Structure formats: C-alpha cells, structure tokens
N, C-alpha and C. Protein backbone atom coordinates (compact mmCIF):
# COMPACT_ATOMS: atom_id res chain seq x y z
N MET A 1 -35.39 -16.13 37.73
CA MET A 1 -35.65 -14.69 38.11
C MET A 1 -36.83 -14.26 37.38
N ASP A 2 -37.70 -13.59 38.16
CA ASP A 2 -38.96 -13.06 37.59
C ASP A 2 -39.01 -11.62 37.85
N ASN A 3 -39.11 -10.83 36.72
CA ASN A 3 -39.12 -9.41 36.68
C ASN A 3 -40.65 -8.93 36.66
N VAL A 4 -41.43 -9.49 37.55
CA VAL A 4 -42.90 -9.14 37.69
C VAL A 4 -43.63 -9.45 36.25
N SER A 5 -43.49 -10.63 35.71
CA SER A 5 -44.01 -11.01 34.52
C SER A 5 -45.56 -11.12 34.78
N THR A 6 -46.23 -10.99 33.63
CA THR A 6 -47.75 -10.94 33.66
C THR A 6 -48.29 -11.90 32.62
N ASP A 7 -47.40 -12.77 32.08
CA ASP A 7 -47.84 -13.77 31.13
C ASP A 7 -48.13 -15.16 31.59
N GLY A 8 -48.28 -15.36 32.82
CA GLY A 8 -48.46 -16.67 33.29
C GLY A 8 -47.21 -17.63 33.47
N SER A 9 -46.01 -17.10 33.02
CA SER A 9 -44.88 -18.00 33.10
C SER A 9 -44.41 -18.35 34.36
N LEU A 10 -44.57 -17.53 35.47
CA LEU A 10 -44.24 -17.83 36.77
C LEU A 10 -45.03 -18.92 37.31
N SER A 11 -46.36 -18.92 37.05
CA SER A 11 -47.30 -20.10 37.53
C SER A 11 -46.87 -21.32 36.86
N LEU A 12 -46.60 -21.19 35.58
CA LEU A 12 -46.18 -22.40 34.76
C LEU A 12 -44.92 -23.09 35.36
N VAL A 13 -43.91 -22.16 35.57
CA VAL A 13 -42.63 -22.66 36.22
C VAL A 13 -42.85 -23.36 37.57
N ARG A 14 -43.68 -22.70 38.39
CA ARG A 14 -43.91 -23.27 39.74
C ARG A 14 -44.80 -24.54 39.61
N ARG A 15 -45.64 -24.75 38.67
CA ARG A 15 -46.35 -25.96 38.58
C ARG A 15 -45.64 -26.97 37.89
N ASP A 16 -44.89 -26.71 36.80
CA ASP A 16 -44.17 -27.78 35.93
C ASP A 16 -42.79 -28.07 36.37
N PHE A 17 -42.11 -27.10 37.14
CA PHE A 17 -40.82 -27.26 37.57
C PHE A 17 -40.68 -26.92 39.04
N PRO A 18 -41.30 -27.76 39.95
CA PRO A 18 -41.25 -27.37 41.35
C PRO A 18 -39.92 -27.37 41.99
N GLU A 19 -38.90 -27.94 41.27
CA GLU A 19 -37.51 -27.98 41.81
C GLU A 19 -36.80 -26.65 41.49
N ALA A 20 -37.44 -25.83 40.74
CA ALA A 20 -36.72 -24.56 40.31
C ALA A 20 -36.93 -23.63 41.39
N ARG A 21 -35.89 -22.85 41.75
CA ARG A 21 -35.87 -21.67 42.60
C ARG A 21 -36.14 -20.39 41.88
N VAL A 22 -37.15 -19.63 42.10
CA VAL A 22 -37.40 -18.43 41.38
C VAL A 22 -37.07 -17.25 42.31
N VAL A 23 -36.29 -16.30 41.71
CA VAL A 23 -36.03 -15.11 42.40
C VAL A 23 -37.05 -14.05 41.95
N SER A 24 -37.97 -13.70 42.79
CA SER A 24 -38.98 -12.67 42.39
C SER A 24 -38.52 -11.25 42.78
N LEU A 25 -38.45 -10.35 41.88
CA LEU A 25 -37.83 -9.07 42.16
C LEU A 25 -38.75 -8.01 42.61
N GLY A 26 -40.12 -8.23 42.48
CA GLY A 26 -41.09 -7.30 43.03
C GLY A 26 -41.29 -6.08 42.10
N GLU A 27 -40.35 -5.84 41.10
CA GLU A 27 -40.35 -4.81 40.11
C GLU A 27 -39.62 -5.21 39.02
N ASN A 28 -39.83 -4.56 37.82
CA ASN A 28 -39.11 -4.93 36.56
C ASN A 28 -37.92 -4.16 36.57
N ARG A 29 -36.74 -4.74 36.81
CA ARG A 29 -35.42 -4.09 36.78
C ARG A 29 -34.79 -4.12 35.50
N GLY A 30 -35.41 -4.70 34.53
CA GLY A 30 -34.74 -4.99 33.26
C GLY A 30 -33.89 -6.23 33.14
N PHE A 31 -33.46 -6.49 31.99
CA PHE A 31 -32.82 -7.73 31.83
C PHE A 31 -31.52 -7.90 32.62
N SER A 32 -30.62 -6.85 32.41
CA SER A 32 -29.30 -7.02 33.13
C SER A 32 -29.46 -7.06 34.62
N ALA A 33 -30.21 -6.24 35.21
CA ALA A 33 -30.33 -6.28 36.61
C ALA A 33 -31.05 -7.58 37.17
N GLY A 34 -31.99 -8.07 36.32
CA GLY A 34 -32.62 -9.39 36.70
C GLY A 34 -31.61 -10.53 36.64
N VAL A 35 -30.93 -10.60 35.62
CA VAL A 35 -29.88 -11.64 35.50
C VAL A 35 -28.87 -11.55 36.62
N ASN A 36 -28.44 -10.34 36.92
CA ASN A 36 -27.48 -10.18 38.09
C ASN A 36 -28.07 -10.69 39.37
N ALA A 37 -29.33 -10.36 39.58
CA ALA A 37 -30.04 -10.80 40.90
C ALA A 37 -30.06 -12.36 40.93
N GLY A 38 -30.28 -13.01 39.67
CA GLY A 38 -30.31 -14.48 39.68
C GLY A 38 -28.96 -15.07 39.93
N ILE A 39 -27.90 -14.40 39.28
CA ILE A 39 -26.53 -14.85 39.58
C ILE A 39 -26.13 -14.83 41.11
N GLU A 40 -26.39 -13.65 41.69
CA GLU A 40 -26.24 -13.36 43.06
C GLU A 40 -26.88 -14.41 43.93
N ALA A 41 -28.09 -14.90 43.49
CA ALA A 41 -28.81 -15.83 44.36
C ALA A 41 -28.34 -17.24 44.19
N SER A 42 -27.53 -17.50 43.17
CA SER A 42 -27.01 -18.70 42.83
C SER A 42 -25.95 -19.13 43.76
N GLU A 43 -25.81 -20.41 43.99
CA GLU A 43 -24.66 -20.90 44.83
C GLU A 43 -23.68 -21.63 43.87
N ALA A 44 -23.73 -21.45 42.66
CA ALA A 44 -22.91 -22.11 41.62
C ALA A 44 -21.55 -21.46 41.63
N GLU A 45 -20.57 -22.21 41.29
CA GLU A 45 -19.14 -21.65 41.03
C GLU A 45 -19.17 -20.88 39.75
N LEU A 46 -19.83 -21.54 38.80
CA LEU A 46 -19.95 -21.01 37.30
C LEU A 46 -21.28 -20.78 36.89
N VAL A 47 -21.59 -19.79 36.13
CA VAL A 47 -22.97 -19.56 35.62
C VAL A 47 -22.79 -19.34 34.15
N ALA A 48 -23.61 -19.90 33.31
CA ALA A 48 -23.63 -19.70 31.97
C ALA A 48 -25.14 -19.05 31.59
N LEU A 49 -25.19 -18.12 30.87
CA LEU A 49 -26.43 -17.38 30.38
C LEU A 49 -26.74 -17.79 28.94
N LEU A 50 -27.90 -18.13 28.66
CA LEU A 50 -28.46 -18.49 27.28
C LEU A 50 -29.68 -17.78 27.09
N ASN A 51 -29.83 -17.10 25.94
CA ASN A 51 -31.11 -16.61 25.54
C ASN A 51 -32.00 -17.76 25.03
N ASN A 52 -33.32 -17.77 25.14
CA ASN A 52 -34.17 -18.82 24.82
C ASN A 52 -34.34 -19.03 23.25
N ASP A 53 -33.79 -18.11 22.50
CA ASP A 53 -33.83 -18.16 21.02
C ASP A 53 -32.56 -18.50 20.39
N THR A 54 -31.60 -19.21 21.13
CA THR A 54 -30.35 -19.63 20.64
C THR A 54 -30.23 -21.06 20.34
N ASP A 55 -29.28 -21.45 19.59
CA ASP A 55 -28.98 -22.92 19.27
C ASP A 55 -27.55 -23.11 19.68
N GLN A 56 -27.34 -24.13 20.42
CA GLN A 56 -25.87 -24.45 20.83
C GLN A 56 -25.37 -25.69 20.26
N ASP A 57 -24.08 -25.82 20.06
CA ASP A 57 -23.44 -27.09 19.63
C ASP A 57 -23.63 -28.00 20.83
N PRO A 58 -23.86 -29.25 20.62
CA PRO A 58 -24.03 -30.28 21.65
C PRO A 58 -22.84 -30.33 22.71
N GLY A 59 -21.67 -29.90 22.26
CA GLY A 59 -20.51 -30.04 23.24
C GLY A 59 -20.13 -28.67 23.91
N TRP A 60 -20.91 -27.65 23.66
CA TRP A 60 -20.58 -26.27 24.13
C TRP A 60 -20.26 -26.25 25.60
N LEU A 61 -21.07 -26.80 26.44
CA LEU A 61 -20.93 -26.70 27.88
C LEU A 61 -19.67 -27.39 28.41
N ALA A 62 -19.45 -28.59 27.79
CA ALA A 62 -18.20 -29.31 28.27
C ALA A 62 -17.04 -28.58 27.85
N ALA A 63 -16.95 -27.95 26.60
CA ALA A 63 -15.90 -27.19 26.16
C ALA A 63 -15.65 -25.98 27.11
N LEU A 64 -16.71 -25.26 27.48
CA LEU A 64 -16.60 -24.11 28.28
C LEU A 64 -16.07 -24.61 29.71
N VAL A 65 -16.61 -25.65 30.24
CA VAL A 65 -16.05 -26.13 31.62
C VAL A 65 -14.56 -26.40 31.59
N ARG A 66 -14.18 -27.07 30.43
CA ARG A 66 -12.71 -27.49 30.30
C ARG A 66 -11.92 -26.26 30.20
N ALA A 67 -12.43 -25.22 29.61
CA ALA A 67 -11.62 -23.91 29.42
C ALA A 67 -11.59 -23.13 30.67
N ALA A 68 -12.58 -23.28 31.49
CA ALA A 68 -12.73 -22.60 32.73
C ALA A 68 -11.73 -23.22 33.83
C-alpha cells in the first residue's frame, strides 16, 4: 500500500521487488485506511500486520496459524 509517499520507497519496491503488488491510494488516507485498503486488495484468507520496527519470535507465525 502506498499513501502517496515522497521518499522514493515506491520506486525502490518496484525496482527491487517486482513481484510485489502495490496498492496506490492517490492520497494519504492515514495508516488505518491504508492498511485496510491493502487488506481489501489481498486475496489471502489470513493477514498479519507487522510494523517495521518490531522483533518477532522465530515461531510466531506458525503459532498464529495453528491458533487460527
């Protein structure tokens, strides 16, 4: 999801991760609306959100999937 970023991150993602699908919103809708737009565009049954400044236990995702 891109909330009209101006830091070059969209170009970086398109260049370095061509397999990524980017949802461009056209305006900055804020974090929650942006995340919701990304979830709505997803075809996944389950979605996990992580901030880029967090650390996870190596088994967190497997535990979450088991619980779901």
